[in-house]
Amino acid sequence: MKPLQISPETAIMLAEKLKLPLEQIMHMPQHILIQKMMDLEKDQQSTKK
């Protein structure tokens, strides 16, 4: 599996927000990363209410 096609800045931001190592972010399957990002967005929206 090839690494995700995202910028280094985006990868660092995702690693910090998802509290995961950068290497894990870069080698994570795209569909799993998208799901984690959606979960993160739901959590952020629920805390704003």
PDB file of N, CA and C in Angstrom:
ATOM      1  N   MET A   1       0.851  -1.174   0.000  1.00  0.00           N
ATOM      2  CA  MET A   1       0.000   0.000   0.000  1.00  0.00           C
ATOM      3  C   MET A   1       0.899   1.240   0.000  1.00  0.00           C
ATOM      4  N   LYS A   2       0.590   2.188  -0.870  1.00  0.00           N
ATOM      5  CA  LYS A   2       1.395   3.406  -0.923  1.00  0.00           C
ATOM      6  C   LYS A   2       0.899   4.413   0.108  1.00  0.00           C
ATOM      7  N   PRO A   3       1.779   5.297   0.561  1.00  0.00           N
ATOM      8  CA  PRO A   3       1.358   6.313   1.539  1.00  0.00           C
ATOM      9  C   PRO A   3       0.281   7.232   0.975  1.00  0.00           C
ATOM     10  N   LEU A   4      -0.466   7.836   1.863  1.00  0.00           N
ATOM     11  CA  LEU A   4      -1.518   8.770   1.449  1.00  0.00           C
ATOM     12  C   LEU A   4      -0.927   9.958   0.711  1.00  0.00           C
ATOM     13  N   GLN A   5      -1.687  10.502  -0.196  1.00  0.00           N
ATOM     14  CA  GLN A   5      -1.242  11.656  -0.970  1.00  0.00           C
ATOM     15  C   GLN A   5      -1.731  12.932  -0.292  1.00  0.00           C
ATOM     16  N   ILE A   6      -1.173  13.221   0.877  1.00  0.00           N
ATOM     17  CA  ILE A   6      -1.520  14.442   1.605  1.00  0.00           C
ATOM     18  C   ILE A   6      -0.242  15.204   1.901  1.00  0.00           C
ATOM     19  N   SER A   7      -0.395  16.489   2.119  1.00  0.00           N
ATOM     20  CA  SER A   7       0.786  17.310   2.387  1.00  0.00           C
ATOM     21  C   SER A   7       1.341  16.997   3.778  1.00  0.00           C
ATOM     22  N   PRO A   8       2.623  17.264   3.975  1.00  0.00           N
ATOM     23  CA  PRO A   8       3.213  17.046   5.306  1.00  0.00           C
ATOM     24  C   PRO A   8       2.504  17.843   6.396  1.00  0.00           C
ATOM     25  N   GLU A   9       2.092  19.076   6.071  1.00  0.00           N
ATOM     26  CA  GLU A   9       1.398  19.907   7.057  1.00  0.00           C
ATOM     27  C   GLU A   9       0.069  19.279   7.464  1.00  0.00           C
ATOM     28  N   THR A  10      -0.652  18.740   6.480  1.00  0.00           N
ATOM     29  CA  THR A  10      -1.932  18.092   6.767  1.00  0.00           C
ATOM     30  C   THR A  10      -1.716  16.846   7.618  1.00  0.00           C
ATOM     31  N   ALA A  11      -0.707  16.071   7.289  1.00  0.00           N
ATOM     32  CA  ALA A  11      -0.417  14.854   8.053  1.00  0.00           C
ATOM     33  C   ALA A  11      -0.089  15.180   9.502  1.00  0.00           C
ATOM     34  N   ILE A  12       0.698  16.223   9.722  1.00  0.00           N
ATOM     35  CA  ILE A  12       1.053  16.624  11.088  1.00  0.00           C
ATOM     36  C   ILE A  12      -0.190  17.085  11.842  1.00  0.00           C
ATOM     37  N   MET A  13      -1.044  17.880  11.184  1.00  0.00           N
ATOM     38  CA  MET A  13      -2.266  18.361  11.820  1.00  0.00           C
ATOM     39  C   MET A  13      -3.169  17.188  12.213  1.00  0.00           C
ATOM     40  N   LEU A  14      -3.326  16.224  11.307  1.00  0.00           N
ATOM     41  CA  LEU A  14      -4.162  15.061  11.596  1.00  0.00           C
ATOM     42  C   LEU A  14      -3.581  14.228  12.729  1.00  0.00           C
ATOM     43  N   ALA A  15      -2.282  14.042  12.741  1.00  0.00           N
ATOM     44  CA  ALA A  15      -1.640  13.265  13.798  1.00  0.00           C
ATOM     45  C   ALA A  15      -1.892  13.904  15.158  1.00  0.00           C
ATOM     46  N   GLU A  16      -1.804  15.234  15.219  1.00  0.00           N
ATOM     47  CA  GLU A  16      -2.044  15.930  16.483  1.00  0.00           C
ATOM     48  C   GLU A  16      -3.502  15.823  16.908  1.00  0.00           C
ATOM     49  N   LYS A  17      -4.422  16.046  15.972  1.00  0.00           N
ATOM     50  CA  LYS A  17      -5.847  16.031  16.318  1.00  0.00           C
ATOM     51  C   LYS A  17      -6.344  14.636  16.655  1.00  0.00           C
ATOM     52  N   LEU A  18      -5.860  13.629  15.929  1.00  0.00           N
ATOM     53  CA  LEU A  18      -6.303  12.254  16.176  1.00  0.00           C
ATOM     54  C   LEU A  18      -5.476  11.560  17.251  1.00  0.00           C
ATOM     55  N   LYS A  19      -4.418  12.248  17.728  1.00  0.00           N
ATOM     56  CA  LYS A  19      -3.536  11.697  18.763  1.00  0.00           C
ATOM     57  C   LYS A  19      -2.960  10.343  18.341  1.00  0.00           C
ATOM     58  N   LEU A  20      -2.447  10.324  17.101  1.00  0.00           N
ATOM     59  CA  LEU A  20      -1.833   9.122  16.547  1.00  0.00           C
ATOM     60  C   LEU A  20      -0.440   9.480  16.034  1.00  0.00           C
ATOM     61  N   PRO A  21       0.470   8.503  15.996  1.00  0.00           N
ATOM     62  CA  PRO A  21       1.802   8.775  15.444  1.00  0.00           C
ATOM     63  C   PRO A  21       1.710   9.145  13.959  1.00  0.00           C
ATOM     64  N   LEU A  22       2.596  10.002  13.516  1.00  0.00           N
ATOM     65  CA  LEU A  22       2.612  10.456  12.131  1.00  0.00           C
ATOM     66  C   LEU A  22       2.754   9.282  11.153  1.00  0.00           C
ATOM     67  N   GLU A  23       3.585   8.313  11.494  1.00  0.00           N
ATOM     68  CA  GLU A  23       3.789   7.156  10.621  1.00  0.00           C
ATOM     69  C   GLU A  23       2.483   6.384  10.431  1.00  0.00           C
ATOM     70  N   GLN A  24       1.704   6.285  11.494  1.00  0.00           N
ATOM     71  CA  GLN A  24       0.435   5.570  11.412  1.00  0.00           C
ATOM     72  C   GLN A  24      -0.546   6.314  10.507  1.00  0.00           C
ATOM     73  N   ILE A  25      -0.551   7.638  10.575  1.00  0.00           N
ATOM     74  CA  ILE A  25      -1.422   8.441   9.709  1.00  0.00           C
ATOM     75  C   ILE A  25      -1.055   8.217   8.247  1.00  0.00           C
ATOM     76  N   MET A  26       0.242   8.259   7.945  1.00  0.00           N
ATOM     77  CA  MET A  26       0.691   8.165   6.554  1.00  0.00           C
ATOM     78  C   MET A  26       0.418   6.801   5.930  1.00  0.00           C
ATOM     79  N   HIS A  27       0.370   5.747   6.736  1.00  0.00           N
ATOM     80  CA  HIS A  27       0.177   4.404   6.195  1.00  0.00           C
ATOM     81  C   HIS A  27      -1.209   3.840   6.475  1.00  0.00           C
ATOM     82  N   MET A  28      -2.100   4.680   6.972  1.00  0.00           N
ATOM     83  CA  MET A  28      -3.460   4.253   7.263  1.00  0.00           C
ATOM     84  C   MET A  28      -4.258   4.186   5.957  1.00  0.00           C
ATOM     85  N   PRO A  29      -5.070   3.155   5.770  1.00  0.00           N
ATOM     86  CA  PRO A  29      -5.926   3.129   4.577  1.00  0.00           C
ATOM     87  C   PRO A  29      -6.831   4.367   4.534  1.00  0.00           C
ATOM     88  N   GLN A  30      -7.040   4.875   3.342  1.00  0.00           N
ATOM     89  CA  GLN A  30      -7.756   6.134   3.185  1.00  0.00           C
ATOM     90  C   GLN A  30      -9.159   6.075   3.786  1.00  0.00           C
ATOM     91  N   HIS A  31      -9.877   4.970   3.612  1.00  0.00           N
ATOM     92  CA  HIS A  31     -11.248   4.907   4.122  1.00  0.00           C
ATOM     93  C   HIS A  31     -11.281   4.944   5.650  1.00  0.00           C
ATOM     94  N   ILE A  32     -10.277   4.395   6.296  1.00  0.00           N
ATOM     95  CA  ILE A  32     -10.229   4.429   7.762  1.00  0.00           C
ATOM     96  C   ILE A  32      -9.909   5.844   8.230  1.00  0.00           C
ATOM     97  N   LEU A  33      -8.979   6.515   7.550  1.00  0.00           N
ATOM     98  CA  LEU A  33      -8.637   7.886   7.914  1.00  0.00           C
ATOM     99  C   LEU A  33      -9.850   8.801   7.746  1.00  0.00           C
ATOM    100  N   ILE A  34     -10.591   8.627   6.673  1.00  0.00           N
ATOM    101  CA  ILE A  34     -11.787   9.451   6.456  1.00  0.00           C
ATOM    102  C   ILE A  34     -12.798   9.212   7.568  1.00  0.00           C
ATOM    103  N   GLN A  35     -12.980   7.968   7.985  1.00  0.00           N
ATOM    104  CA  GLN A  35     -13.909   7.657   9.068  1.00  0.00           C
ATOM    105  C   GLN A  35     -13.469   8.314  10.374  1.00  0.00           C
ATOM    106  N   LYS A  36     -12.171   8.263  10.663  1.00  0.00           N
ATOM    107  CA  LYS A  36     -11.662   8.896  11.887  1.00  0.00           C
ATOM    108  C   LYS A  36     -11.852  10.409  11.840  1.00  0.00           C
ATOM    109  N   MET A  37     -11.670  10.999  10.658  1.00  0.00           N
ATOM    110  CA  MET A  37     -11.869  12.442  10.515  1.00  0.00           C
ATOM    111  C   MET A  37     -13.336  12.800  10.715  1.00  0.00           C
ATOM    112  N   MET A  38     -14.245  11.966  10.216  1.00  0.00           N
ATOM    113  CA  MET A  38     -15.676  12.215  10.414  1.00  0.00           C
ATOM    114  C   MET A  38     -16.040  12.102  11.886  1.00  0.00           C
ATOM    115  N   ASP A  39     -15.489  11.119  12.583  1.00  0.00           N
ATOM    116  CA  ASP A  39     -15.733  10.966  14.018  1.00  0.00           C
ATOM    117  C   ASP A  39     -15.217  12.181  14.786  1.00  0.00           C
ATOM    118  N   LEU A  40     -14.047  12.672  14.408  1.00  0.00           N
ATOM    119  CA  LEU A  40     -13.463  13.848  15.045  1.00  0.00           C
ATOM    120  C   LEU A  40     -14.370  15.063  14.840  1.00  0.00           C
ATOM    121  N   GLU A  41     -14.887  15.224  13.629  1.00  0.00           N
ATOM    122  CA  GLU A  41     -15.781  16.348  13.322  1.00  0.00           C
ATOM    123  C   GLU A  41     -17.065  16.263  14.154  1.00  0.00           C
ATOM    124  N   LYS A  42     -17.619  15.051  14.285  1.00  0.00           N
ATOM    125  CA  LYS A  42     -18.824  14.877  15.122  1.00  0.00           C
ATOM    126  C   LYS A  42     -18.551  15.276  16.568  1.00  0.00           C
ATOM    127  N   ASP A  43     -17.396  14.866  17.082  1.00  0.00           N
ATOM    128  CA  ASP A  43     -17.034  15.195  18.460  1.00  0.00           C
ATOM    129  C   ASP A  43     -16.897  16.703  18.640  1.00  0.00           C
ATOM    130  N   GLN A  44     -16.303  17.387  17.663  1.00  0.00           N
ATOM    131  CA  GLN A  44     -16.124  18.829  17.742  1.00  0.00           C
ATOM    132  C   GLN A  44     -17.475  19.526  17.678  1.00  0.00           C
ATOM    133  N   GLN A  45     -18.373  19.061  16.847  1.00  0.00           N
ATOM    134  CA  GLN A  45     -19.685  19.680  16.735  1.00  0.00           C
ATOM    135  C   GLN A  45     -20.503  19.469  18.006  1.00  0.00           C
ATOM    136  N   SER A  46     -20.370  18.302  18.624  1.00  0.00           N
ATOM    137  CA  SER A  46     -21.143  18.046  19.834  1.00  0.00           C
ATOM    138  C   SER A  46     -20.640  18.873  21.012  1.00  0.00           C
ATOM    139  N   THR A  47     -19.362  19.226  21.023  1.00  0.00           N
ATOM    140  CA  THR A  47     -18.834  20.044  22.118  1.00  0.00           C
ATOM    141  C   THR A  47     -19.181  21.517  21.934  1.00  0.00           C
ATOM    142  N   LYS A  48     -19.485  21.932  20.709  1.00  0.00           N
ATOM    143  CA  LYS A  48     -19.841  23.331  20.461  1.00  0.00           C
ATOM    144  C   LYS A  48     -21.267  23.639  20.899  1.00  0.00           C
ATOM    145  N   LYS A  49     -22.116  22.625  20.957  1.00  0.00           N
ATOM    146  CA  LYS A  49     -23.525  22.838  21.311  1.00  0.00           C
ATOM    147  C   LYS A  49     -23.702  23.068  22.789  1.00  0.00           C
TER     148      LYS A  49
END
